[in-house]
């Protein structure tokens, strides 16, 4: 019993996966909402999807930027 080491990497990996799945889902949703709003304003959906997904922690900033840009 003294010679055995406890492998603690497995629970940490599970927590990383457990946290990553909702974060990726939230990034996808915010990118999608931003892309739809960009399409309404005449902008590129693909570019604004990427910006919205990458900047999802500051989600309203992408929408404010789109609101300030003139319509195409």
C-alpha atoms as a PDB file:
ATOM      1  CA  UNK A   1       0.000   0.000   0.000  1.00  0.00           C
ATOM      2  CA  UNK A   2       2.842   2.403   0.638  1.00  0.00           C
ATOM      3  CA  UNK A   3       4.374   1.802  -2.791  1.00  0.00           C
ATOM      4  CA  UNK A   4       1.202   2.632  -4.763  1.00  0.00           C
ATOM      5  CA  UNK A   5       0.831   6.082  -6.191  1.00  0.00           C
ATOM      6  CA  UNK A   6      -2.576   7.614  -6.742  1.00  0.00           C
ATOM      7  CA  UNK A   7      -3.285   8.646 -10.320  1.00  0.00           C
ATOM      8  CA  UNK A   8      -5.057  12.006 -10.030  1.00  0.00           C
ATOM      9  CA  UNK A   9      -4.840  12.968 -13.690  1.00  0.00           C
ATOM     10  CA  UNK A  10      -7.993  11.077 -14.667  1.00  0.00           C
ATOM     11  CA  UNK A  11     -10.455  13.144 -12.561  1.00  0.00           C
ATOM     12  CA  UNK A  12      -8.803  16.369 -13.710  1.00  0.00           C
ATOM     13  CA  UNK A  13      -9.176  15.325 -17.348  1.00  0.00           C
ATOM     14  CA  UNK A  14     -12.859  14.534 -16.748  1.00  0.00           C
ATOM     15  CA  UNK A  15     -13.413  17.996 -15.274  1.00  0.00           C
ATOM     16  CA  UNK A  16     -11.653  19.624 -18.216  1.00  0.00           C
ATOM     17  CA  UNK A  17     -13.954  17.795 -20.639  1.00  0.00           C
ATOM     18  CA  UNK A  18     -16.995  18.531 -18.436  1.00  0.00           C
ATOM     19  CA  UNK A  19     -16.254  22.280 -18.513  1.00  0.00           C
ATOM     20  CA  UNK A  20     -15.163  22.413 -22.168  1.00  0.00           C
ATOM     21  CA  UNK A  21     -18.408  21.021 -23.625  1.00  0.00           C
ATOM     22  CA  UNK A  22     -20.662  23.861 -22.335  1.00  0.00           C
ATOM     23  CA  UNK A  23     -18.040  26.490 -23.197  1.00  0.00           C
ATOM     24  CA  UNK A  24     -17.841  25.288 -26.810  1.00  0.00           C
ATOM     25  CA  UNK A  25     -21.640  25.124 -27.009  1.00  0.00           C
ATOM     26  CA  UNK A  26     -21.920  28.691 -25.693  1.00  0.00           C
ATOM     27  CA  UNK A  27     -19.314  29.924 -28.181  1.00  0.00           C
ATOM     28  CA  UNK A  28     -21.224  28.248 -31.011  1.00  0.00           C
ATOM     29  CA  UNK A  29     -24.524  29.830 -29.940  1.00  0.00           C
ATOM     30  CA  UNK A  30     -23.117  33.327 -29.561  1.00  0.00           C
ATOM     31  CA  UNK A  31     -21.377  33.013 -32.925  1.00  0.00           C
ATOM     32  CA  UNK A  32     -24.644  31.909 -34.499  1.00  0.00           C
ATOM     33  CA  UNK A  33     -26.635  34.778 -32.981  1.00  0.00           C
ATOM     34  CA  UNK A  34     -23.998  37.274 -34.071  1.00  0.00           C
ATOM     35  CA  UNK A  35     -23.933  35.823 -37.597  1.00  0.00           C
ATOM     36  CA  UNK A  36     -27.714  36.088 -37.919  1.00  0.00           C
ATOM     37  CA  UNK A  37     -27.631  39.696 -36.763  1.00  0.00           C
ATOM     38  CA  UNK A  38     -24.799  40.409 -39.208  1.00  0.00           C
ATOM     39  CA  UNK A  39     -26.824  38.894 -42.050  1.00  0.00           C
ATOM     40  CA  UNK A  40     -29.712  41.221 -41.182  1.00  0.00           C
ATOM     41  CA  UNK A  41     -27.317  44.134 -41.448  1.00  0.00           C
ATOM     42  CA  UNK A  42     -25.925  42.931 -44.795  1.00  0.00           C
ATOM     43  CA  UNK A  43     -22.596  41.655 -43.478  1.00  0.00           C
ATOM     44  CA  UNK A  44     -20.776  38.365 -43.987  1.00  0.00           C
ATOM     45  CA  UNK A  45     -22.227  35.574 -41.862  1.00  0.00           C
ATOM     46  CA  UNK A  46     -19.055  33.485 -41.839  1.00  0.00           C
ATOM     47  CA  UNK A  47     -16.735  36.232 -40.698  1.00  0.00           C
ATOM     48  CA  UNK A  48     -19.096  37.428 -37.976  1.00  0.00           C
ATOM     49  CA  UNK A  49     -19.748  33.860 -36.834  1.00  0.00           C
ATOM     50  CA  UNK A  50     -16.031  33.478 -36.171  1.00  0.00           C
ATOM     51  CA  UNK A  51     -15.804  36.851 -34.436  1.00  0.00           C
ATOM     52  CA  UNK A  52     -18.882  36.154 -32.337  1.00  0.00           C
ATOM     53  CA  UNK A  53     -17.626  32.702 -31.362  1.00  0.00           C
ATOM     54  CA  UNK A  54     -14.134  33.898 -30.490  1.00  0.00           C
ATOM     55  CA  UNK A  55     -15.338  36.923 -28.543  1.00  0.00           C
ATOM     56  CA  UNK A  56     -18.170  35.166 -26.708  1.00  0.00           C
ATOM     57  CA  UNK A  57     -16.943  36.099 -23.202  1.00  0.00           C
ATOM     58  CA  UNK A  58     -17.639  39.726 -24.174  1.00  0.00           C
ATOM     59  CA  UNK A  59     -20.762  38.772 -26.142  1.00  0.00           C
ATOM     60  CA  UNK A  60     -22.509  42.188 -26.390  1.00  0.00           C
ATOM     61  CA  UNK A  61     -19.402  43.874 -27.824  1.00  0.00           C
ATOM     62  CA  UNK A  62     -19.794  42.137 -31.213  1.00  0.00           C
ATOM     63  CA  UNK A  63     -23.432  43.218 -31.427  1.00  0.00           C
ATOM     64  CA  UNK A  64     -22.583  46.792 -30.450  1.00  0.00           C
ATOM     65  CA  UNK A  65     -19.886  46.880 -33.118  1.00  0.00           C
ATOM     66  CA  UNK A  66     -22.346  45.620 -35.726  1.00  0.00           C
ATOM     67  CA  UNK A  67     -24.868  48.217 -34.600  1.00  0.00           C
ATOM     68  CA  UNK A  68     -22.364  51.015 -35.103  1.00  0.00           C
ATOM     69  CA  UNK A  69     -21.318  49.885 -38.580  1.00  0.00           C
ATOM     70  CA  UNK A  70     -23.372  51.220 -41.486  1.00  0.00           C
ATOM     71  CA  UNK A  71     -25.613  48.815 -43.401  1.00  0.00           C
ATOM     72  CA  UNK A  72     -24.201  47.436 -46.619  1.00  0.00           C
END
